[in-house]
Amino acid sequence: MTQTQTPLAEIDTNEIVLCARYGELPELKEEVARLQHEYPHVSAAALLAQPVAGGNTPLHMAAANGHKDIVEYLLQHIAGVSVNTQNEQGNTPMHWCAVNGHDEIAKLLIAAAADLTLVNHAGRTALYEAQAAQHEKVAVELLKVMDPDLDEDAEDDTAKAGPSSSSASASAAPPAAKSAAAKST
């Protein structure tokens, strides 16, 4: 008698996503172990990268909520599989990290090869989201990757020097930030 294997898409991974959302690393590990015992044909990496309703993965939730230990754990176990996964709105873990101002998470996602050029369904990059939400530390981390010549004091220099030194950050800024920069000159 042949036993059929449950397809990954039919395995309920909601508990893993909730653990990532609420910062519960021990519980997340326990749930992965439980599911692997129940479904031995499915790898931990597959379970950890599996999206739930809305397209969010555990990495989306951990990045959105600033859970560094969980982001580190996930990045070690998914090996880049879902660092750039877009949810149903086109947001990546980096978008959510940027919206919520988690600069340490941004550094981890950058190190894991997050694609900073991806846009969500609103046409916004993670940099746009960081600037729109006024999360300067995240924006600077993203700009450092996009423009390696940018130093850490770029925002202070821009404020002191005026528009001529702000072209790199202003061109990536949301329209409201661009108009505010233009009015300040």
N, C-alpha and C. Protein backbone atom coordinates (compact mmCIF):
# COMPACT_ATOMS: atom_id res chain seq x y z
N MET A 1 0.84 -1.18 0.00
CA MET A 1 0.00 0.00 0.00
C MET A 1 0.89 1.25 0.00
N THR A 2 0.65 2.14 -0.94
CA THR A 2 1.45 3.35 -1.06
C THR A 2 0.79 4.49 -0.31
N GLN A 3 1.61 5.16 0.48
CA GLN A 3 1.09 6.31 1.23
C GLN A 3 1.37 7.57 0.42
N THR A 4 0.37 8.43 0.24
CA THR A 4 0.57 9.66 -0.51
C THR A 4 1.18 10.73 0.39
N GLN A 5 1.99 11.55 -0.24
CA GLN A 5 2.63 12.64 0.51
C GLN A 5 1.81 13.91 0.36
N THR A 6 1.61 14.58 1.47
CA THR A 6 0.86 15.83 1.46
C THR A 6 1.69 16.91 0.77
N PRO A 7 1.13 17.59 -0.23
CA PRO A 7 1.86 18.68 -0.88
C PRO A 7 2.13 19.81 0.12
N LEU A 8 3.25 20.47 -0.05
CA LEU A 8 3.64 21.56 0.85
C LEU A 8 2.54 22.61 0.96
N ALA A 9 1.91 22.95 -0.14
CA ALA A 9 0.88 23.99 -0.13
C ALA A 9 -0.32 23.64 0.76
N GLU A 10 -0.48 22.36 1.06
CA GLU A 10 -1.60 21.92 1.89
C GLU A 10 -1.24 21.81 3.37
N ILE A 11 0.02 22.05 3.71
CA ILE A 11 0.45 21.97 5.11
C ILE A 11 0.21 23.32 5.77
N ASP A 12 -0.44 23.31 6.91
CA ASP A 12 -0.75 24.55 7.63
C ASP A 12 0.49 25.07 8.35
N THR A 13 1.06 26.15 7.82
CA THR A 13 2.25 26.76 8.42
C THR A 13 1.93 28.08 9.13
N ASN A 14 0.65 28.33 9.37
CA ASN A 14 0.26 29.58 10.04
C ASN A 14 0.94 29.77 11.38
N GLU A 15 1.11 28.70 12.14
CA GLU A 15 1.73 28.81 13.47
C GLU A 15 3.18 29.29 13.36
N ILE A 16 3.89 28.84 12.33
CA ILE A 16 5.27 29.28 12.12
C ILE A 16 5.29 30.78 11.86
N VAL A 17 4.39 31.25 11.01
CA VAL A 17 4.32 32.68 10.69
C VAL A 17 3.96 33.49 11.93
N LEU A 18 3.03 33.00 12.73
CA LEU A 18 2.66 33.71 13.96
C LEU A 18 3.83 33.77 14.94
N CYS A 19 4.57 32.69 15.07
CA CYS A 19 5.75 32.70 15.95
C CYS A 19 6.77 33.73 15.47
N ALA A 20 6.97 33.81 14.15
CA ALA A 20 7.90 34.80 13.60
C ALA A 20 7.38 36.21 13.86
N ARG A 21 6.10 36.41 13.73
CA ARG A 21 5.50 37.73 13.95
C ARG A 21 5.67 38.20 15.39
N TYR A 22 5.48 37.29 16.34
CA TYR A 22 5.51 37.67 17.75
C TYR A 22 6.86 37.45 18.43
N GLY A 23 7.87 37.05 17.67
CA GLY A 23 9.21 36.93 18.23
C GLY A 23 9.42 35.70 19.10
N GLU A 24 8.74 34.63 18.80
CA GLU A 24 8.80 33.41 19.61
C GLU A 24 9.67 32.36 18.93
N LEU A 25 10.99 32.53 19.03
CA LEU A 25 11.92 31.63 18.35
C LEU A 25 11.84 30.19 18.85
N PRO A 26 11.84 29.93 20.16
CA PRO A 26 11.74 28.53 20.60
C PRO A 26 10.47 27.84 20.09
N GLU A 27 9.36 28.55 20.12
CA GLU A 27 8.10 27.99 19.65
C GLU A 27 8.13 27.75 18.14
N LEU A 28 8.78 28.65 17.41
CA LEU A 28 8.91 28.49 15.97
C LEU A 28 9.68 27.21 15.66
N LYS A 29 10.80 27.01 16.36
CA LYS A 29 11.61 25.80 16.15
C LYS A 29 10.81 24.54 16.50
N GLU A 30 10.05 24.60 17.57
CA GLU A 30 9.22 23.46 17.97
C GLU A 30 8.17 23.13 16.90
N GLU A 31 7.56 24.16 16.34
CA GLU A 31 6.53 23.94 15.32
C GLU A 31 7.14 23.35 14.05
N VAL A 32 8.32 23.82 13.67
CA VAL A 32 8.99 23.25 12.50
C VAL A 32 9.31 21.78 12.76
N ALA A 33 9.82 21.47 13.95
CA ALA A 33 10.14 20.07 14.29
C ALA A 33 8.88 19.21 14.27
N ARG A 34 7.79 19.74 14.80
CA ARG A 34 6.53 19.00 14.82
C ARG A 34 6.05 18.69 13.40
N LEU A 35 6.10 19.72 12.55
CA LEU A 35 5.64 19.53 11.17
C LEU A 35 6.56 18.58 10.40
N GLN A 36 7.86 18.65 10.67
CA GLN A 36 8.78 17.73 10.00
C GLN A 36 8.53 16.29 10.44
N HIS A 37 8.17 16.12 11.69
CA HIS A 37 7.85 14.77 12.18
C HIS A 37 6.57 14.25 11.49
N GLU A 38 5.61 15.15 11.36
CA GLU A 38 4.34 14.77 10.74
C GLU A 38 4.46 14.60 9.22
N TYR A 39 5.33 15.41 8.61
CA TYR A 39 5.52 15.39 7.15
C TYR A 39 7.01 15.24 6.86
N PRO A 40 7.57 14.05 7.04
CA PRO A 40 9.03 13.86 6.92
C PRO A 40 9.59 14.15 5.52
N HIS A 41 8.74 14.20 4.52
CA HIS A 41 9.19 14.49 3.16
C HIS A 41 9.41 15.99 2.93
N VAL A 42 9.08 16.84 3.89
CA VAL A 42 9.20 18.29 3.73
C VAL A 42 10.37 18.80 4.57
N SER A 43 11.23 19.59 3.94
CA SER A 43 12.40 20.12 4.64
C SER A 43 12.03 21.31 5.52
N ALA A 44 12.88 21.59 6.48
CA ALA A 44 12.69 22.76 7.34
C ALA A 44 12.72 24.03 6.50
N ALA A 45 13.63 24.08 5.53
CA ALA A 45 13.73 25.26 4.68
C ALA A 45 12.43 25.52 3.94
N ALA A 46 11.81 24.47 3.44
CA ALA A 46 10.54 24.63 2.72
C ALA A 46 9.45 25.14 3.64
N LEU A 47 9.39 24.61 4.86
CA LEU A 47 8.39 25.06 5.82
C LEU A 47 8.61 26.53 6.20
N LEU A 48 9.87 26.92 6.36
CA LEU A 48 10.20 28.28 6.78
C LEU A 48 10.00 29.31 5.67
N ALA A 49 9.99 28.85 4.44
CA ALA A 49 9.81 29.77 3.31
C ALA A 49 8.39 29.78 2.78
N GLN A 50 7.54 28.95 3.33
CA GLN A 50 6.17 28.79 2.84
C GLN A 50 5.30 30.00 3.19
N PRO A 51 4.72 30.65 2.17
CA PRO A 51 3.80 31.76 2.47
C PRO A 51 2.45 31.26 2.95
N VAL A 52 1.77 32.12 3.70
CA VAL A 52 0.40 31.84 4.15
C VAL A 52 -0.53 32.80 3.41
N ALA A 53 -1.79 32.85 3.81
CA ALA A 53 -2.76 33.75 3.18
C ALA A 53 -2.18 35.16 3.14
N GLY A 54 -2.31 35.80 2.03
CA GLY A 54 -1.75 37.14 1.86
C GLY A 54 -0.34 37.11 1.29
N GLY A 55 0.23 35.91 1.22
CA GLY A 55 1.56 35.76 0.64
C GLY A 55 2.71 36.04 1.58
N ASN A 56 2.41 36.28 2.85
CA ASN A 56 3.49 36.58 3.80
C ASN A 56 4.19 35.31 4.25
N THR A 57 5.50 35.43 4.39
CA THR A 57 6.32 34.33 4.89
C THR A 57 6.74 34.66 6.33
N PRO A 58 7.32 33.69 7.02
CA PRO A 58 7.86 34.01 8.35
C PRO A 58 8.86 35.16 8.30
N LEU A 59 9.64 35.24 7.22
CA LEU A 59 10.62 36.32 7.11
C LEU A 59 9.94 37.69 6.98
N HIS A 60 8.84 37.77 6.26
CA HIS A 60 8.07 39.02 6.19
C HIS A 60 7.71 39.49 7.60
N MET A 61 7.16 38.57 8.38
CA MET A 61 6.67 38.92 9.72
C MET A 61 7.79 39.28 10.68
N ALA A 62 8.86 38.50 10.67
CA ALA A 62 9.98 38.80 11.56
C ALA A 62 10.63 40.13 11.18
N ALA A 63 10.76 40.40 9.88
CA ALA A 63 11.35 41.66 9.43
C ALA A 63 10.45 42.84 9.77
N ALA A 64 9.16 42.68 9.60
CA ALA A 64 8.21 43.75 9.89
C ALA A 64 8.20 44.13 11.36
N ASN A 65 8.45 43.16 12.21
CA ASN A 65 8.35 43.39 13.65
C ASN A 65 9.69 43.51 14.36
N GLY A 66 10.78 43.52 13.59
CA GLY A 66 12.10 43.77 14.16
C GLY A 66 12.67 42.66 15.02
N HIS A 67 12.31 41.42 14.74
CA HIS A 67 12.80 40.29 15.53
C HIS A 67 14.11 39.77 14.93
N LYS A 68 15.21 40.40 15.36
CA LYS A 68 16.53 40.11 14.79
C LYS A 68 16.92 38.64 14.93
N ASP A 69 16.68 38.05 16.10
CA ASP A 69 17.06 36.65 16.30
C ASP A 69 16.33 35.72 15.34
N ILE A 70 15.09 36.01 15.08
CA ILE A 70 14.32 35.16 14.16
C ILE A 70 14.76 35.40 12.72
N VAL A 71 15.01 36.65 12.36
CA VAL A 71 15.50 36.94 11.01
C VAL A 71 16.82 36.20 10.78
N GLU A 72 17.73 36.26 11.75
CA GLU A 72 19.01 35.55 11.62
C GLU A 72 18.78 34.04 11.45
N TYR A 73 17.92 33.48 12.27
CA TYR A 73 17.61 32.05 12.19
C TYR A 73 17.03 31.69 10.81
N LEU A 74 16.08 32.48 10.35
CA LEU A 74 15.46 32.20 9.06
C LEU A 74 16.46 32.30 7.92
N LEU A 75 17.29 33.33 7.95
CA LEU A 75 18.28 33.51 6.88
C LEU A 75 19.28 32.36 6.85
N GLN A 76 19.60 31.82 8.00
CA GLN A 76 20.51 30.66 8.05
C GLN A 76 19.86 29.42 7.46
N HIS A 77 18.56 29.31 7.60
CA HIS A 77 17.88 28.07 7.20
C HIS A 77 17.21 28.11 5.83
N ILE A 78 16.97 29.28 5.29
CA ILE A 78 16.31 29.33 3.99
C ILE A 78 17.29 29.57 2.85
N ALA A 79 18.53 29.91 3.18
CA ALA A 79 19.59 30.08 2.18
C ALA A 79 19.17 30.94 0.99
N GLY A 80 18.60 32.09 1.26
CA GLY A 80 18.25 33.04 0.21
C GLY A 80 16.99 32.71 -0.57
N VAL A 81 16.33 31.62 -0.25
CA VAL A 81 15.16 31.21 -1.01
C VAL A 81 14.08 32.28 -1.00
N SER A 82 13.80 32.86 0.16
CA SER A 82 12.66 33.77 0.22
C SER A 82 13.01 35.19 0.66
N VAL A 83 14.27 35.57 0.61
CA VAL A 83 14.62 36.92 1.04
C VAL A 83 13.94 37.98 0.15
N ASN A 84 13.66 37.62 -1.09
CA ASN A 84 13.02 38.55 -2.02
C ASN A 84 11.58 38.16 -2.38
N THR A 85 10.99 37.27 -1.63
CA THR A 85 9.61 36.86 -1.90
C THR A 85 8.68 38.05 -1.71
N GLN A 86 7.81 38.25 -2.69
CA GLN A 86 6.83 39.33 -2.61
C GLN A 86 5.48 38.75 -2.20
N ASN A 87 4.81 39.46 -1.29
CA ASN A 87 3.48 39.02 -0.86
C ASN A 87 2.44 39.48 -1.89
N GLU A 88 1.17 39.34 -1.58
CA GLU A 88 0.13 39.68 -2.55
C GLU A 88 0.09 41.16 -2.92
N GLN A 89 0.67 42.03 -2.09
CA GLN A 89 0.76 43.46 -2.41
C GLN A 89 2.11 43.80 -3.04
N GLY A 90 2.93 42.80 -3.25
CA GLY A 90 4.24 43.00 -3.86
C GLY A 90 5.32 43.41 -2.87
N ASN A 91 5.00 43.41 -1.59
CA ASN A 91 6.00 43.79 -0.58
C ASN A 91 6.92 42.63 -0.26
N THR A 92 8.20 42.95 -0.13
CA THR A 92 9.21 41.98 0.29
C THR A 92 9.46 42.15 1.78
N PRO A 93 10.20 41.25 2.40
CA PRO A 93 10.59 41.48 3.79
C PRO A 93 11.30 42.83 3.97
N MET A 94 12.09 43.24 2.97
CA MET A 94 12.77 44.53 3.07
C MET A 94 11.78 45.69 3.06
N HIS A 95 10.73 45.61 2.27
CA HIS A 95 9.70 46.66 2.28
C HIS A 95 9.14 46.82 3.70
N TRP A 96 8.79 45.70 4.33
CA TRP A 96 8.18 45.77 5.66
C TRP A 96 9.17 46.24 6.71
N CYS A 97 10.40 45.83 6.56
CA CYS A 97 11.45 46.30 7.46
C CYS A 97 11.59 47.81 7.33
N ALA A 98 11.58 48.30 6.10
CA ALA A 98 11.73 49.74 5.84
C ALA A 98 10.55 50.54 6.37
N VAL A 99 9.35 50.08 6.13
CA VAL A 99 8.14 50.76 6.60
C VAL A 99 8.14 50.92 8.12
N ASN A 100 8.69 49.92 8.80
CA ASN A 100 8.66 49.92 10.26
C ASN A 100 9.95 50.40 10.92
N GLY A 101 10.94 50.77 10.12
CA GLY A 101 12.15 51.41 10.65
C GLY A 101 13.13 50.51 11.37
N HIS A 102 13.33 49.29 10.89
CA HIS A 102 14.24 48.36 11.55
C HIS A 102 15.59 48.31 10.81
N ASP A 103 16.49 49.24 11.16
CA ASP A 103 17.76 49.35 10.45
C ASP A 103 18.66 48.12 10.63
N GLU A 104 18.64 47.50 11.80
CA GLU A 104 19.45 46.30 12.01
C GLU A 104 18.95 45.15 11.14
N ILE A 105 17.66 45.07 10.96
CA ILE A 105 17.09 44.04 10.09
C ILE A 105 17.46 44.34 8.64
N ALA A 106 17.44 45.62 8.27
CA ALA A 106 17.83 46.01 6.90
C ALA A 106 19.24 45.53 6.61
N LYS A 107 20.15 45.70 7.56
CA LYS A 107 21.54 45.25 7.36
C LYS A 107 21.59 43.74 7.12
N LEU A 108 20.81 42.99 7.88
CA LEU A 108 20.79 41.53 7.71
C LEU A 108 20.24 41.14 6.34
N LEU A 109 19.17 41.79 5.92
CA LEU A 109 18.57 41.47 4.62
C LEU A 109 19.49 41.87 3.48
N ILE A 110 20.18 42.99 3.63
CA ILE A 110 21.15 43.41 2.62
C ILE A 110 22.26 42.37 2.50
N ALA A 111 22.77 41.92 3.64
CA ALA A 111 23.83 40.90 3.64
C ALA A 111 23.36 39.59 3.01
N ALA A 112 22.06 39.35 3.04
CA ALA A 112 21.48 38.13 2.46
C ALA A 112 21.06 38.35 1.00
N ALA A 113 21.50 39.44 0.40
CA ALA A 113 21.26 39.74 -1.01
C ALA A 113 19.83 40.17 -1.32
N ALA A 114 19.23 40.94 -0.43
CA ALA A 114 17.91 41.50 -0.73
C ALA A 114 18.02 42.40 -1.96
N ASP A 115 17.07 42.28 -2.84
CA ASP A 115 17.03 43.08 -4.06
C ASP A 115 16.34 44.40 -3.75
N LEU A 116 17.12 45.47 -3.72
CA LEU A 116 16.59 46.79 -3.35
C LEU A 116 15.86 47.47 -4.49
N THR A 117 15.85 46.87 -5.67
CA THR A 117 15.17 47.47 -6.81
C THR A 117 13.73 46.98 -6.97
N LEU A 118 13.34 45.98 -6.20
CA LEU A 118 11.97 45.46 -6.32
C LEU A 118 10.95 46.50 -5.89
N VAL A 119 9.88 46.59 -6.65
CA VAL A 119 8.80 47.53 -6.31
C VAL A 119 7.55 46.74 -5.95
N ASN A 120 6.76 47.31 -5.05
CA ASN A 120 5.49 46.68 -4.68
C ASN A 120 4.42 47.10 -5.69
N HIS A 121 3.19 46.69 -5.47
CA HIS A 121 2.12 47.00 -6.43
C HIS A 121 1.78 48.49 -6.46
N ALA A 122 2.23 49.24 -5.47
CA ALA A 122 2.06 50.69 -5.48
C ALA A 122 3.21 51.37 -6.22
N GLY A 123 4.15 50.58 -6.73
CA GLY A 123 5.29 51.12 -7.47
C GLY A 123 6.40 51.65 -6.58
N ARG A 124 6.44 51.23 -5.33
CA ARG A 124 7.40 51.76 -4.36
C ARG A 124 8.49 50.75 -4.03
N THR A 125 9.72 51.24 -3.96
CA THR A 125 10.84 50.43 -3.49
C THR A 125 10.88 50.49 -1.97
N ALA A 126 11.72 49.68 -1.38
CA ALA A 126 11.91 49.73 0.07
C ALA A 126 12.47 51.09 0.49
N LEU A 127 13.35 51.66 -0.32
CA LEU A 127 13.89 52.98 -0.01
C LEU A 127 12.78 54.02 0.03
N TYR A 128 11.91 53.99 -0.94
CA TYR A 128 10.77 54.91 -0.96
C TYR A 128 9.96 54.76 0.33
N GLU A 129 9.68 53.52 0.70
CA GLU A 129 8.88 53.27 1.91
C GLU A 129 9.59 53.80 3.16
N ALA A 130 10.89 53.59 3.25
CA ALA A 130 11.64 54.08 4.41
C ALA A 130 11.59 55.60 4.49
N GLN A 131 11.78 56.25 3.36
CA GLN A 131 11.76 57.72 3.35
C GLN A 131 10.36 58.26 3.61
N ALA A 132 9.35 57.63 3.04
CA ALA A 132 7.98 58.08 3.25
C ALA A 132 7.59 57.97 4.72
N ALA A 133 8.11 56.95 5.40
CA ALA A 133 7.81 56.75 6.82
C ALA A 133 8.81 57.48 7.72
N GLN A 134 9.71 58.23 7.11
CA GLN A 134 10.72 59.03 7.82
C GLN A 134 11.63 58.17 8.70
N HIS A 135 12.01 57.02 8.18
CA HIS A 135 12.95 56.14 8.88
C HIS A 135 14.34 56.35 8.26
N GLU A 136 15.00 57.42 8.72
CA GLU A 136 16.26 57.85 8.13
C GLU A 136 17.35 56.79 8.23
N LYS A 137 17.44 56.08 9.35
CA LYS A 137 18.50 55.08 9.51
C LYS A 137 18.37 53.97 8.47
N VAL A 138 17.16 53.53 8.22
CA VAL A 138 16.95 52.49 7.21
C VAL A 138 17.27 53.05 5.84
N ALA A 139 16.81 54.26 5.55
CA ALA A 139 17.07 54.87 4.25
C ALA A 139 18.57 54.99 4.01
N VAL A 140 19.32 55.39 5.01
CA VAL A 140 20.77 55.52 4.87
C VAL A 140 21.40 54.15 4.59
N GLU A 141 20.95 53.11 5.29
CA GLU A 141 21.49 51.76 5.05
C GLU A 141 21.24 51.34 3.60
N LEU A 142 20.06 51.62 3.09
CA LEU A 142 19.73 51.26 1.72
C LEU A 142 20.53 52.09 0.72
N LEU A 143 20.65 53.38 1.01
CA LEU A 143 21.41 54.26 0.12
C LEU A 143 22.89 53.88 0.08
N LYS A 144 23.43 53.41 1.19
CA LYS A 144 24.84 52.99 1.22
C LYS A 144 25.09 51.86 0.22
N VAL A 145 24.13 50.99 0.06
CA VAL A 145 24.27 49.90 -0.90
C VAL A 145 24.07 50.41 -2.32
N MET A 146 23.10 51.28 -2.48
CA MET A 146 22.79 51.80 -3.81
C MET A 146 23.84 52.79 -4.29
N ASP A 147 24.47 53.50 -3.35
CA ASP A 147 25.52 54.47 -3.66
C ASP A 147 26.65 54.27 -2.66
N PRO A 148 27.61 53.39 -2.98
CA PRO A 148 28.68 53.06 -2.03
C PRO A 148 29.52 54.26 -1.59
N ASP A 149 29.47 55.37 -2.32
CA ASP A 149 30.24 56.55 -1.94
C ASP A 149 29.56 57.36 -0.84
N LEU A 150 28.33 57.01 -0.52
CA LEU A 150 27.58 57.74 0.50
C LEU A 150 28.18 57.46 1.88
N ASP A 151 28.44 58.53 2.64
CA ASP A 151 28.96 58.31 3.99
C ASP A 151 27.81 58.37 4.99
N GLU A 152 28.07 57.97 6.21
CA GLU A 152 27.03 57.89 7.22
C GLU A 152 26.45 59.24 7.61
N ASP A 153 27.15 60.31 7.32
CA ASP A 153 26.68 61.63 7.69
C ASP A 153 25.98 62.33 6.53
N ALA A 154 25.58 61.58 5.52
CA ALA A 154 24.99 62.18 4.33
C ALA A 154 23.78 63.04 4.63
N GLU A 155 22.93 62.60 5.52
CA GLU A 155 21.72 63.37 5.81
C GLU A 155 22.06 64.69 6.50
N ASP A 156 23.01 64.67 7.42
CA ASP A 156 23.42 65.91 8.07
C ASP A 156 24.04 66.85 7.06
N ASP A 157 24.90 66.32 6.18
CA ASP A 157 25.53 67.15 5.16
C ASP A 157 24.49 67.73 4.22
N THR A 158 23.50 66.95 3.85
CA THR A 158 22.45 67.41 2.95
C THR A 158 21.68 68.57 3.58
N ALA A 159 21.35 68.44 4.82
CA ALA A 159 20.59 69.48 5.50
C ALA A 159 21.39 70.78 5.60
N LYS A 160 22.69 70.68 5.79
CA LYS A 160 23.53 71.86 5.94
C LYS A 160 23.88 72.49 4.60
N ALA A 161 24.11 71.64 3.57
CA ALA A 161 24.62 72.15 2.31
C ALA A 161 23.55 72.56 1.32
N GLY A 162 22.34 72.09 1.46
CA GLY A 162 21.29 72.46 0.54
C GLY A 162 21.11 71.46 -0.57
N PRO A 163 20.36 71.83 -1.61
CA PRO A 163 19.92 70.88 -2.61
C PRO A 163 21.03 70.30 -3.49
N SER A 164 22.12 71.00 -3.72
CA SER A 164 23.14 70.49 -4.63
C SER A 164 23.76 69.20 -4.13
N SER A 165 23.84 68.99 -2.83
CA SER A 165 24.44 67.76 -2.31
C SER A 165 23.39 66.70 -2.02
N SER A 166 22.14 66.98 -2.30
CA SER A 166 21.10 66.02 -1.95
C SER A 166 20.53 65.30 -3.16
N SER A 167 21.18 65.39 -4.31
CA SER A 167 20.59 64.81 -5.51
C SER A 167 20.39 63.31 -5.42
N ALA A 168 21.31 62.57 -4.82
CA ALA A 168 21.15 61.11 -4.74
C ALA A 168 19.96 60.73 -3.89
N SER A 169 19.83 61.35 -2.72
CA SER A 169 18.73 60.95 -1.86
C SER A 169 17.42 61.58 -2.30
N ALA A 170 17.46 62.77 -2.87
CA ALA A 170 16.22 63.41 -3.31
C ALA A 170 15.61 62.68 -4.50
N SER A 171 16.45 62.15 -5.40
CA SER A 171 15.90 61.46 -6.56
C SER A 171 15.17 60.19 -6.17
N ALA A 172 15.55 59.59 -5.04
CA ALA A 172 14.88 58.38 -4.59
C ALA A 172 13.79 58.67 -3.58
N ALA A 173 13.61 59.92 -3.25
CA ALA A 173 12.66 60.30 -2.21
C ALA A 173 11.23 60.28 -2.73
N PRO A 174 10.29 60.10 -1.84
CA PRO A 174 8.88 60.19 -2.22
C PRO A 174 8.58 61.60 -2.71
N PRO A 175 7.54 61.76 -3.54
CA PRO A 175 7.19 63.08 -4.05
C PRO A 175 7.04 64.13 -2.96
N ALA A 176 6.45 63.79 -1.83
CA ALA A 176 6.27 64.77 -0.75
C ALA A 176 7.62 65.23 -0.22
N ALA A 177 8.57 64.30 -0.13
CA ALA A 177 9.89 64.67 0.36
C ALA A 177 10.61 65.55 -0.65
N LYS A 178 10.41 65.27 -1.95
CA LYS A 178 11.03 66.09 -2.98
C LYS A 178 10.49 67.51 -2.93
N SER A 179 9.17 67.66 -2.81
CA SER A 179 8.60 69.00 -2.78
C SER A 179 9.00 69.74 -1.52
N ALA A 180 9.12 69.03 -0.41
CA ALA A 180 9.57 69.67 0.83
C ALA A 180 11.00 70.14 0.69
N ALA A 181 11.84 69.33 0.02
CA ALA A 181 13.23 69.72 -0.18
C ALA A 181 13.31 70.94 -1.09
N ALA A 182 12.45 70.99 -2.11
CA ALA A 182 12.46 72.13 -3.02
C ALA A 182 12.01 73.40 -2.32
N LYS A 183 11.02 73.30 -1.43
CA LYS A 183 10.52 74.47 -0.72
C LYS A 183 11.52 75.01 0.29
N SER A 184 12.41 74.15 0.79
CA SER A 184 13.35 74.59 1.82
C SER A 184 14.51 75.36 1.24
N THR A 185 14.62 75.44 -0.09
CA THR A 185 15.75 76.15 -0.69
C THR A 185 15.40 77.57 -1.04
